[in-house]
Amino acid sequence: MAARNSTVRDMLLEILERSPLRDSYPITLWANAFAGPATKAVEREYDVQRDEFNVMFVIAAIGPCLATDVCLLNSRPRNSVSRAVRRLETRGMLAREEVAEDRRKEFLSLTEAGQRLYEQVLPIYVARQNLLLEGLDENECDVLVSLLSKALLKSSDWVNTF
């Protein structure tokens, strides 16, 4: 087989034009290009792993919640979230509180230290997001978010990932 002399851009365009996954592939590629470098920087600088950030992100966004909520809102498996919760709790970043109606469940919340850590690492993710979206104007970003949100909210299966 002869060596391929295509540029990465050419190969990407080929996938986008011909692949049966052309609608979802750009989303996956963008998500990987966003999360990979940001997560690596956060791990290196703050010793916070991907799932730990995901846990903090959800709790910071919606307030105290169950671990199952974190799983659903990050589309991550329970074992990954459980490991992240344990590590954050051990580091004093997370607190648990029993749910009065069902003592098997616990609300997760960020401690003051956890909130401070979240506020330190969040700008790394925001900067990466901004870098990857710099080719879009504000209206295009709004349309992108609107379409992706619509696709997620209209799908009957997005919460059944794990």
Protein backbone atom coordinates (compact mmCIF):
# COMPACT_ATOMS: atom_id res chain seq x y z
CA MET A 1 0.00 0.00 0.00
CA ALA A 2 1.37 3.41 -0.95
CA ALA A 3 2.00 6.04 1.70
CA ARG A 4 -0.77 8.55 2.16
CA ASN A 5 0.24 12.13 1.36
CA SER A 6 -2.89 13.79 2.72
CA THR A 7 -2.85 16.48 5.34
CA VAL A 8 -4.81 16.01 8.56
CA ARG A 9 -7.26 18.61 7.25
CA ASP A 10 -7.75 16.63 4.03
CA MET A 11 -8.32 13.40 5.93
CA LEU A 12 -10.82 15.12 8.24
CA LEU A 13 -12.71 16.52 5.26
CA GLU A 14 -12.79 13.04 3.73
CA ILE A 15 -14.33 11.63 6.91
CA LEU A 16 -16.84 14.49 7.11
CA GLU A 17 -17.88 13.97 3.49
CA ARG A 18 -18.00 10.17 3.33
CA SER A 19 -18.38 8.63 6.75
CA PRO A 20 -21.69 7.20 7.96
CA LEU A 21 -20.81 8.89 11.28
CA ARG A 22 -20.24 12.32 9.75
CA ASP A 23 -22.89 13.88 12.02
CA SER A 24 -21.46 12.60 15.30
CA TYR A 25 -17.77 12.37 14.48
CA PRO A 26 -17.13 16.15 14.62
CA ILE A 27 -18.79 16.27 18.05
CA THR A 28 -16.61 13.42 19.31
CA LEU A 29 -13.47 14.93 17.83
CA TRP A 30 -14.25 18.35 19.32
CA ALA A 31 -15.00 16.83 22.73
CA ASN A 32 -11.71 14.93 22.69
CA ALA A 33 -9.77 18.01 21.55
CA PHE A 34 -11.42 19.98 24.36
CA ALA A 35 -11.20 17.53 27.24
CA GLY A 36 -7.85 15.87 26.59
CA PRO A 37 -5.51 18.86 26.83
CA ALA A 38 -7.54 20.62 29.54
CA THR A 39 -7.68 17.48 31.66
CA LYS A 40 -3.96 16.86 31.23
CA ALA A 41 -3.17 20.41 32.39
CA VAL A 42 -5.50 20.14 35.39
CA GLU A 43 -4.05 16.76 36.39
CA ARG A 44 -0.52 18.12 36.13
CA GLU A 45 -1.14 21.42 37.95
CA TYR A 46 -3.80 20.44 40.53
CA ASP A 47 -3.80 16.62 40.70
CA VAL A 48 -7.48 16.60 39.67
CA GLN A 49 -8.51 13.80 37.33
CA ARG A 50 -11.19 14.02 34.65
CA ASP A 51 -13.99 12.39 36.62
CA GLU A 52 -13.13 14.43 39.70
CA PHE A 53 -13.56 17.62 37.69
CA ASN A 54 -16.81 16.26 36.25
CA VAL A 55 -18.14 15.64 39.77
CA MET A 56 -17.16 19.14 40.90
CA PHE A 57 -18.61 20.68 37.74
CA VAL A 58 -22.05 19.14 38.20
CA ILE A 59 -22.23 19.99 41.91
CA ALA A 60 -21.05 23.55 41.28
CA ALA A 61 -23.65 23.92 38.53
CA ILE A 62 -26.72 22.45 40.24
CA GLY A 63 -25.84 22.27 43.93
CA PRO A 64 -25.96 19.23 46.20
CA CYS A 65 -27.02 16.13 44.30
CA LEU A 66 -26.82 12.36 44.24
CA ALA A 67 -23.95 10.44 42.67
CA THR A 68 -26.46 8.98 40.21
CA ASP A 69 -27.24 12.54 39.06
CA VAL A 70 -23.54 13.12 38.44
CA CYS A 71 -23.37 9.89 36.40
CA LEU A 72 -26.32 10.91 34.26
CA LEU A 73 -25.22 14.50 33.72
CA ASN A 74 -21.73 13.45 32.67
CA SER A 75 -22.69 10.25 30.86
CA ARG A 76 -20.11 8.40 32.95
CA PRO A 77 -20.28 4.96 34.59
CA ARG A 78 -20.98 4.61 38.31
CA ASN A 79 -17.61 3.04 39.13
CA SER A 80 -15.74 6.02 37.63
CA VAL A 81 -17.87 8.53 39.50
CA SER A 82 -17.66 6.54 42.75
CA ARG A 83 -13.87 6.49 42.53
CA ALA A 84 -13.80 10.24 41.90
CA VAL A 85 -16.19 10.91 44.79
CA ARG A 86 -14.04 8.85 47.17
CA ARG A 87 -10.87 10.63 46.10
CA LEU A 88 -12.45 14.09 46.44
CA GLU A 89 -13.86 13.19 49.84
CA THR A 90 -10.47 11.88 51.03
CA ARG A 91 -8.90 15.18 49.94
CA GLY A 92 -11.52 17.17 51.86
CA MET A 93 -13.11 18.59 48.71
CA LEU A 94 -16.47 16.87 49.00
CA ALA A 95 -18.98 16.22 51.76
CA ARG A 96 -21.76 13.62 51.93
CA GLU A 97 -25.08 13.99 53.70
CA GLU A 98 -27.64 11.21 54.10
CA VAL A 99 -30.98 11.68 52.39
CA ALA A 100 -33.55 11.61 55.21
CA GLU A 101 -36.15 9.72 53.17
CA ASP A 102 -33.72 7.05 51.98
CA ARG A 103 -30.64 6.49 54.11
CA ARG A 104 -29.00 4.48 51.32
CA LYS A 105 -28.62 7.70 49.32
CA GLU A 106 -26.34 10.61 50.01
CA PHE A 107 -26.28 14.16 48.75
CA LEU A 108 -22.85 15.26 47.55
CA SER A 109 -21.72 18.84 48.02
CA LEU A 110 -18.48 20.73 47.63
CA THR A 111 -16.72 21.85 50.78
CA GLU A 112 -15.23 25.34 50.89
CA ALA A 113 -11.89 23.82 49.85
CA GLY A 114 -13.63 21.95 47.03
CA GLN A 115 -15.30 25.13 45.79
CA ARG A 116 -11.94 26.95 45.84
CA LEU A 117 -10.28 24.11 43.92
CA TYR A 118 -13.10 24.12 41.37
CA GLU A 119 -12.71 27.87 40.89
CA GLN A 120 -8.97 27.38 40.31
CA VAL A 121 -9.31 24.65 37.67
CA LEU A 122 -12.38 25.95 35.83
CA PRO A 123 -10.46 28.69 33.94
CA ILE A 124 -8.29 26.04 32.29
CA TYR A 125 -11.38 24.39 30.80
CA VAL A 126 -12.91 27.75 29.85
CA ALA A 127 -9.70 28.81 28.10
CA ARG A 128 -9.60 25.54 26.14
CA GLN A 129 -13.26 25.94 25.18
CA ASN A 130 -12.63 29.51 24.01
CA LEU A 131 -9.60 28.44 21.98
CA LEU A 132 -11.57 25.73 20.16
CA LEU A 133 -14.49 28.08 19.49
CA GLU A 134 -12.45 31.09 18.39
CA GLY A 135 -13.44 30.50 14.75
CA LEU A 136 -17.12 31.06 15.59
CA ASP A 137 -18.79 34.36 16.35
CA GLU A 138 -21.17 34.75 19.30
CA ASN A 139 -24.25 34.00 17.22
CA GLU A 140 -22.69 30.84 15.79
CA CYS A 141 -21.75 29.68 19.30
CA ASP A 142 -25.33 30.25 20.42
CA VAL A 143 -26.63 28.23 17.46
CA LEU A 144 -24.15 25.43 18.17
CA VAL A 145 -25.18 25.21 21.82
CA SER A 146 -28.85 25.40 20.88
CA LEU A 147 -28.59 22.57 18.34
CA LEU A 148 -26.52 20.30 20.59
CA SER A 149 -28.87 20.96 23.51
CA LYS A 150 -31.88 20.22 21.34
CA ALA A 151 -30.33 16.97 20.11
CA LEU A 152 -29.59 15.86 23.68
CA LEU A 153 -32.93 16.86 25.13
CA LYS A 154 -34.96 15.34 22.29
CA SER A 155 -33.07 12.05 22.35
CA SER A 156 -34.86 9.33 24.24
CA ASP A 157 -31.63 7.51 25.06
CA TRP A 158 -28.91 9.99 26.05
CA VAL A 159 -29.33 9.24 29.75
CA ASN A 160 -29.08 5.46 29.24
CA THR A 161 -25.41 5.46 28.32
CA PHE A 162 -24.12 3.60 31.38
